[in-house]
Amino acid sequence: LTNESYPLYKFKPKKKVKLLRNLLYNTSNQTENEIIDSSNNYTIEMIPYVIPRLDISIVLDIPEFPRNRIPNEIRKLMNVSSTGLIYPKIYLNEFWITSNQLIEINSTIDSISLTSSYSHIAFWKWQIQVSMEEQWKNQRANGLGGSDSETDTLREILLETNPYLLGVTAVVTLF
């Protein structure tokens, strides 16, 4: 059917170290010029991070499309045969993994535990998750924002808020 491989790591920019200074007492040995010079470093170092959780989902409830009339957005994401048959999609679900869950790979790491799970996901949920990830990726590529902290905040809101409260908020916002 299909043969795909997924990396269990991501490269992300190194976290910026904020230089803090006590404004009441000058306890630092650095002068103000040294602090300014150290903050003007524009090189971005990319560091590998391990994805600690592997959520494998199979996309179910795929709607029937007329033969050879599958929308291009779905065709590029699904396993479609030359005859137009749609095979189930195996999806590595990284949607709910936030940046603070990633583990930095460095010399102090001896071992890393990897948690894996296998489940199914409804077609409409998969379609929403993939479209949101695609929009965030396009926004980053075009320089329109969508930093990891912003997307992580949205993910945490969706995870931690009661779905009924989110629904009521959406309805009240529309009217």
C-alpha atoms as a PDB file:
ATOM      1  CA  LEU A   1       0.000   0.000   0.000  1.00  0.00           C
ATOM      2  CA  THR A   2       2.328   2.712   1.197  1.00  0.00           C
ATOM      3  CA  ASN A   3       5.825   3.194   2.484  1.00  0.00           C
ATOM      4  CA  GLU A   4       6.551   6.400   4.350  1.00  0.00           C
ATOM      5  CA  SER A   5       9.197   7.451   6.848  1.00  0.00           C
ATOM      6  CA  TYR A   6       8.989  10.163   9.475  1.00  0.00           C
ATOM      7  CA  PRO A   7      11.878  11.700  11.398  1.00  0.00           C
ATOM      8  CA  LEU A   8      11.590  11.546  15.169  1.00  0.00           C
ATOM      9  CA  TYR A   9      13.396  14.860  15.524  1.00  0.00           C
ATOM     10  CA  LYS A  10      12.944  18.471  14.483  1.00  0.00           C
ATOM     11  CA  PHE A  11      15.441  21.247  14.009  1.00  0.00           C
ATOM     12  CA  LYS A  12      14.435  24.459  15.742  1.00  0.00           C
ATOM     13  CA  PRO A  13      16.289  27.679  16.464  1.00  0.00           C
ATOM     14  CA  LYS A  14      18.176  27.726  19.734  1.00  0.00           C
ATOM     15  CA  LYS A  15      16.227  29.410  22.483  1.00  0.00           C
ATOM     16  CA  LYS A  16      17.349  32.956  23.089  1.00  0.00           C
ATOM     17  CA  VAL A  17      18.952  33.643  26.418  1.00  0.00           C
ATOM     18  CA  LYS A  18      17.556  36.794  27.920  1.00  0.00           C
ATOM     19  CA  LEU A  19      20.142  38.933  29.618  1.00  0.00           C
ATOM     20  CA  LEU A  20      18.692  40.305  32.801  1.00  0.00           C
ATOM     21  CA  ARG A  21      20.168  43.057  34.856  1.00  0.00           C
ATOM     22  CA  ASN A  22      19.345  44.328  38.286  1.00  0.00           C
ATOM     23  CA  LEU A  23      18.317  47.957  37.857  1.00  0.00           C
ATOM     24  CA  LEU A  24      18.648  48.820  41.536  1.00  0.00           C
ATOM     25  CA  TYR A  25      22.110  47.416  42.122  1.00  0.00           C
ATOM     26  CA  ASN A  26      24.855  47.009  39.560  1.00  0.00           C
ATOM     27  CA  THR A  27      25.981  43.501  40.556  1.00  0.00           C
ATOM     28  CA  SER A  28      26.978  42.455  37.043  1.00  0.00           C
ATOM     29  CA  ASN A  29      30.615  42.430  35.966  1.00  0.00           C
ATOM     30  CA  GLN A  30      29.651  43.294  32.405  1.00  0.00           C
ATOM     31  CA  THR A  31      29.560  46.832  31.203  1.00  0.00           C
ATOM     32  CA  GLU A  32      26.597  48.151  29.245  1.00  0.00           C
ATOM     33  CA  ASN A  33      28.570  48.031  25.976  1.00  0.00           C
ATOM     34  CA  GLU A  34      29.303  44.333  26.424  1.00  0.00           C
ATOM     35  CA  ILE A  35      25.593  43.624  26.983  1.00  0.00           C
ATOM     36  CA  ILE A  36      24.640  45.530  23.829  1.00  0.00           C
ATOM     37  CA  ASP A  37      27.356  43.783  21.770  1.00  0.00           C
ATOM     38  CA  SER A  38      26.233  40.329  22.885  1.00  0.00           C
ATOM     39  CA  SER A  39      22.604  41.024  21.900  1.00  0.00           C
ATOM     40  CA  ASN A  40      23.550  42.034  18.325  1.00  0.00           C
ATOM     41  CA  ASN A  41      24.476  38.490  17.313  1.00  0.00           C
ATOM     42  CA  TYR A  42      22.253  37.675  14.309  1.00  0.00           C
ATOM     43  CA  THR A  43      23.338  34.094  13.661  1.00  0.00           C
ATOM     44  CA  ILE A  44      20.589  31.561  14.267  1.00  0.00           C
ATOM     45  CA  GLU A  45      21.824  28.230  15.523  1.00  0.00           C
ATOM     46  CA  MET A  46      19.546  25.300  14.693  1.00  0.00           C
ATOM     47  CA  ILE A  47      19.411  22.575  17.343  1.00  0.00           C
ATOM     48  CA  PRO A  48      17.851  19.115  17.010  1.00  0.00           C
ATOM     49  CA  TYR A  49      14.931  18.259  19.293  1.00  0.00           C
ATOM     50  CA  VAL A  50      13.431  14.804  19.831  1.00  0.00           C
ATOM     51  CA  ILE A  51       9.698  14.331  19.484  1.00  0.00           C
ATOM     52  CA  PRO A  52       8.907  12.359  22.661  1.00  0.00           C
ATOM     53  CA  ARG A  53       5.536  11.034  21.521  1.00  0.00           C
ATOM     54  CA  LEU A  54       4.625   9.150  18.361  1.00  0.00           C
ATOM     55  CA  ASP A  55       0.882   9.236  17.690  1.00  0.00           C
ATOM     56  CA  ILE A  56       0.029   7.171  14.639  1.00  0.00           C
ATOM     57  CA  SER A  57      -3.511   7.649  13.387  1.00  0.00           C
ATOM     58  CA  ILE A  58      -5.333   6.068  10.503  1.00  0.00           C
ATOM     59  CA  VAL A  59      -7.833   8.326   8.758  1.00  0.00           C
ATOM     60  CA  LEU A  60     -11.275   6.747   8.656  1.00  0.00           C
ATOM     61  CA  ASP A  61     -14.673   7.772   7.328  1.00  0.00           C
ATOM     62  CA  ILE A  62     -13.289   8.954   4.013  1.00  0.00           C
ATOM     63  CA  PRO A  63     -16.242  10.250   1.995  1.00  0.00           C
ATOM     64  CA  GLU A  64     -16.942   8.802  -1.418  1.00  0.00           C
ATOM     65  CA  PHE A  65     -15.851  11.048  -4.236  1.00  0.00           C
ATOM     66  CA  PRO A  66     -16.895  10.602  -7.867  1.00  0.00           C
ATOM     67  CA  ARG A  67     -14.243   8.688  -9.821  1.00  0.00           C
ATOM     68  CA  ASN A  68     -11.386  10.988 -10.933  1.00  0.00           C
ATOM     69  CA  ARG A  69     -13.051  14.016  -9.299  1.00  0.00           C
ATOM     70  CA  ILE A  70     -11.180  14.062  -6.030  1.00  0.00           C
ATOM     71  CA  PRO A  71     -10.312  17.638  -4.966  1.00  0.00           C
ATOM     72  CA  ASN A  72      -6.609  18.440  -5.431  1.00  0.00           C
ATOM     73  CA  GLU A  73      -6.186  19.390  -1.754  1.00  0.00           C
ATOM     74  CA  ILE A  74      -7.279  15.896  -0.739  1.00  0.00           C
ATOM     75  CA  ARG A  75      -5.546  14.117  -3.611  1.00  0.00           C
ATOM     76  CA  LYS A  76      -2.115  15.437  -2.610  1.00  0.00           C
ATOM     77  CA  LEU A  77      -2.610  14.309   1.011  1.00  0.00           C
ATOM     78  CA  MET A  78      -4.326  10.963   0.483  1.00  0.00           C
ATOM     79  CA  ASN A  79      -3.156   7.674  -1.009  1.00  0.00           C
ATOM     80  CA  VAL A  80      -5.029   7.688  -4.311  1.00  0.00           C
ATOM     81  CA  SER A  81      -4.503   4.957  -6.890  1.00  0.00           C
ATOM     82  CA  SER A  82      -4.421   5.604 -10.633  1.00  0.00           C
ATOM     83  CA  THR A  83      -7.947   4.177 -10.872  1.00  0.00           C
ATOM     84  CA  GLY A  84      -9.251   6.712  -8.344  1.00  0.00           C
ATOM     85  CA  LEU A  85      -9.518   4.438  -5.316  1.00  0.00           C
ATOM     86  CA  ILE A  86      -8.673   6.109  -2.005  1.00  0.00           C
ATOM     87  CA  TYR A  87      -6.682   4.037   0.454  1.00  0.00           C
ATOM     88  CA  PRO A  88      -6.685   4.840   4.177  1.00  0.00           C
ATOM     89  CA  LYS A  89      -4.122   7.448   5.154  1.00  0.00           C
ATOM     90  CA  ILE A  90      -1.656   6.704   7.932  1.00  0.00           C
ATOM     91  CA  TYR A  91      -1.067  10.020   9.655  1.00  0.00           C
ATOM     92  CA  LEU A  92       1.678  10.893  12.130  1.00  0.00           C
ATOM     93  CA  ASN A  93      -0.265  13.200  14.397  1.00  0.00           C
ATOM     94  CA  GLU A  94       2.053  15.950  15.698  1.00  0.00           C
ATOM     95  CA  PHE A  95      -0.720  18.519  15.962  1.00  0.00           C
ATOM     96  CA  TRP A  96      -0.975  18.415  19.764  1.00  0.00           C
ATOM     97  CA  ILE A  97       2.778  18.376  20.466  1.00  0.00           C
ATOM     98  CA  THR A  98       3.900  21.781  21.729  1.00  0.00           C
ATOM     99  CA  SER A  99       7.420  23.198  21.716  1.00  0.00           C
ATOM    100  CA  ASN A 100       7.869  22.793  25.456  1.00  0.00           C
ATOM    101  CA  GLN A 101       7.349  19.009  25.104  1.00  0.00           C
ATOM    102  CA  LEU A 102      10.292  18.635  22.706  1.00  0.00           C
ATOM    103  CA  ILE A 103      13.563  17.391  24.210  1.00  0.00           C
ATOM    104  CA  GLU A 104      16.796  19.078  23.159  1.00  0.00           C
ATOM    105  CA  ILE A 105      19.473  16.669  21.957  1.00  0.00           C
ATOM    106  CA  ASN A 106      22.824  17.449  23.553  1.00  0.00           C
ATOM    107  CA  SER A 107      25.711  15.688  25.253  1.00  0.00           C
ATOM    108  CA  THR A 108      23.890  15.429  28.587  1.00  0.00           C
ATOM    109  CA  ILE A 109      21.175  13.131  27.193  1.00  0.00           C
ATOM    110  CA  ASP A 110      21.863   9.447  27.870  1.00  0.00           C
ATOM    111  CA  SER A 111      18.483   7.993  26.955  1.00  0.00           C
ATOM    112  CA  ILE A 112      15.107   9.230  25.838  1.00  0.00           C
ATOM    113  CA  SER A 113      11.796   7.499  26.352  1.00  0.00           C
ATOM    114  CA  LEU A 114       9.494   7.383  23.352  1.00  0.00           C
ATOM    115  CA  THR A 115       5.791   6.913  23.865  1.00  0.00           C
ATOM    116  CA  SER A 116       3.822   5.595  20.920  1.00  0.00           C
ATOM    117  CA  SER A 117       0.131   5.148  20.355  1.00  0.00           C
ATOM    118  CA  TYR A 118      -2.053   3.954  17.532  1.00  0.00           C
ATOM    119  CA  SER A 119      -5.615   5.145  16.986  1.00  0.00           C
ATOM    120  CA  HIS A 120      -8.046   6.261  14.336  1.00  0.00           C
ATOM    121  CA  ILE A 121      -9.058   9.805  13.476  1.00  0.00           C
ATOM    122  CA  ALA A 122     -12.175  11.001  11.704  1.00  0.00           C
ATOM    123  CA  PHE A 123     -11.726  12.447   8.233  1.00  0.00           C
ATOM    124  CA  TRP A 124     -13.069  15.879   9.211  1.00  0.00           C
ATOM    125  CA  LYS A 125     -10.730  16.140  12.234  1.00  0.00           C
ATOM    126  CA  TRP A 126      -7.758  15.123  10.102  1.00  0.00           C
ATOM    127  CA  GLN A 127      -8.720  17.648   7.447  1.00  0.00           C
ATOM    128  CA  ILE A 128      -8.952  20.498  10.007  1.00  0.00           C
ATOM    129  CA  GLN A 129      -5.614  19.596  11.639  1.00  0.00           C
ATOM    130  CA  VAL A 130      -3.791  19.316   8.318  1.00  0.00           C
ATOM    131  CA  SER A 131      -5.252  22.572   6.984  1.00  0.00           C
ATOM    132  CA  MET A 132      -4.306  24.466  10.179  1.00  0.00           C
ATOM    133  CA  GLU A 133      -0.740  23.100  10.083  1.00  0.00           C
ATOM    134  CA  GLU A 134      -0.497  24.019   6.394  1.00  0.00           C
ATOM    135  CA  GLN A 135      -1.735  27.577   7.080  1.00  0.00           C
ATOM    136  CA  TRP A 136       0.782  28.035   9.912  1.00  0.00           C
ATOM    137  CA  LYS A 137       3.586  26.747   7.688  1.00  0.00           C
ATOM    138  CA  ASN A 138       2.598  29.121   4.863  1.00  0.00           C
ATOM    139  CA  GLN A 139       2.401  32.076   7.262  1.00  0.00           C
ATOM    140  CA  ARG A 140       5.900  31.349   8.572  1.00  0.00           C
ATOM    141  CA  ALA A 141       7.252  30.982   5.019  1.00  0.00           C
ATOM    142  CA  ASN A 142       5.758  34.335   4.001  1.00  0.00           C
ATOM    143  CA  GLY A 143       6.972  36.112   7.137  1.00  0.00           C
ATOM    144  CA  LEU A 144       3.461  36.841   8.379  1.00  0.00           C
ATOM    145  CA  GLY A 145       4.019  35.627  11.902  1.00  0.00           C
ATOM    146  CA  GLY A 146       2.687  32.415  13.307  1.00  0.00           C
ATOM    147  CA  SER A 147       5.655  31.744  15.570  1.00  0.00           C
ATOM    148  CA  ASP A 148       5.832  28.531  17.566  1.00  0.00           C
ATOM    149  CA  SER A 149       4.790  30.300  20.755  1.00  0.00           C
ATOM    150  CA  GLU A 150       1.625  31.620  19.090  1.00  0.00           C
ATOM    151  CA  THR A 151       0.633  28.244  17.680  1.00  0.00           C
ATOM    152  CA  ASP A 152       1.470  26.569  20.992  1.00  0.00           C
ATOM    153  CA  THR A 153      -0.831  29.002  22.779  1.00  0.00           C
ATOM    154  CA  LEU A 154      -3.679  28.155  20.402  1.00  0.00           C
ATOM    155  CA  ARG A 155      -3.055  24.434  20.872  1.00  0.00           C
ATOM    156  CA  GLU A 156      -3.108  24.820  24.661  1.00  0.00           C
ATOM    157  CA  ILE A 157      -6.376  26.779  24.480  1.00  0.00           C
ATOM    158  CA  LEU A 158      -7.973  24.015  22.412  1.00  0.00           C
ATOM    159  CA  LEU A 159      -6.630  21.313  24.750  1.00  0.00           C
ATOM    160  CA  GLU A 160      -7.490  22.922  28.071  1.00  0.00           C
ATOM    161  CA  THR A 161     -10.821  24.625  27.364  1.00  0.00           C
ATOM    162  CA  ASN A 162     -14.141  22.865  27.653  1.00  0.00           C
ATOM    163  CA  PRO A 163     -15.490  22.176  24.119  1.00  0.00           C
ATOM    164  CA  TYR A 164     -18.960  23.402  25.104  1.00  0.00           C
ATOM    165  CA  LEU A 165     -17.494  26.696  26.282  1.00  0.00           C
ATOM    166  CA  LEU A 166     -15.585  27.042  22.991  1.00  0.00           C
ATOM    167  CA  GLY A 167     -18.807  26.344  21.059  1.00  0.00           C
ATOM    168  CA  VAL A 168     -20.812  28.885  23.072  1.00  0.00           C
ATOM    169  CA  THR A 169     -18.065  31.468  22.598  1.00  0.00           C
ATOM    170  CA  ALA A 170     -18.086  30.865  18.821  1.00  0.00           C
ATOM    171  CA  VAL A 171     -21.894  31.207  18.635  1.00  0.00           C
ATOM    172  CA  VAL A 172     -21.924  34.383  20.734  1.00  0.00           C
ATOM    173  CA  THR A 173     -19.117  35.833  18.619  1.00  0.00           C
ATOM    174  CA  LEU A 174     -21.038  35.193  15.393  1.00  0.00           C
ATOM    175  CA  PHE A 175     -24.225  36.895  16.598  1.00  0.00           C
END
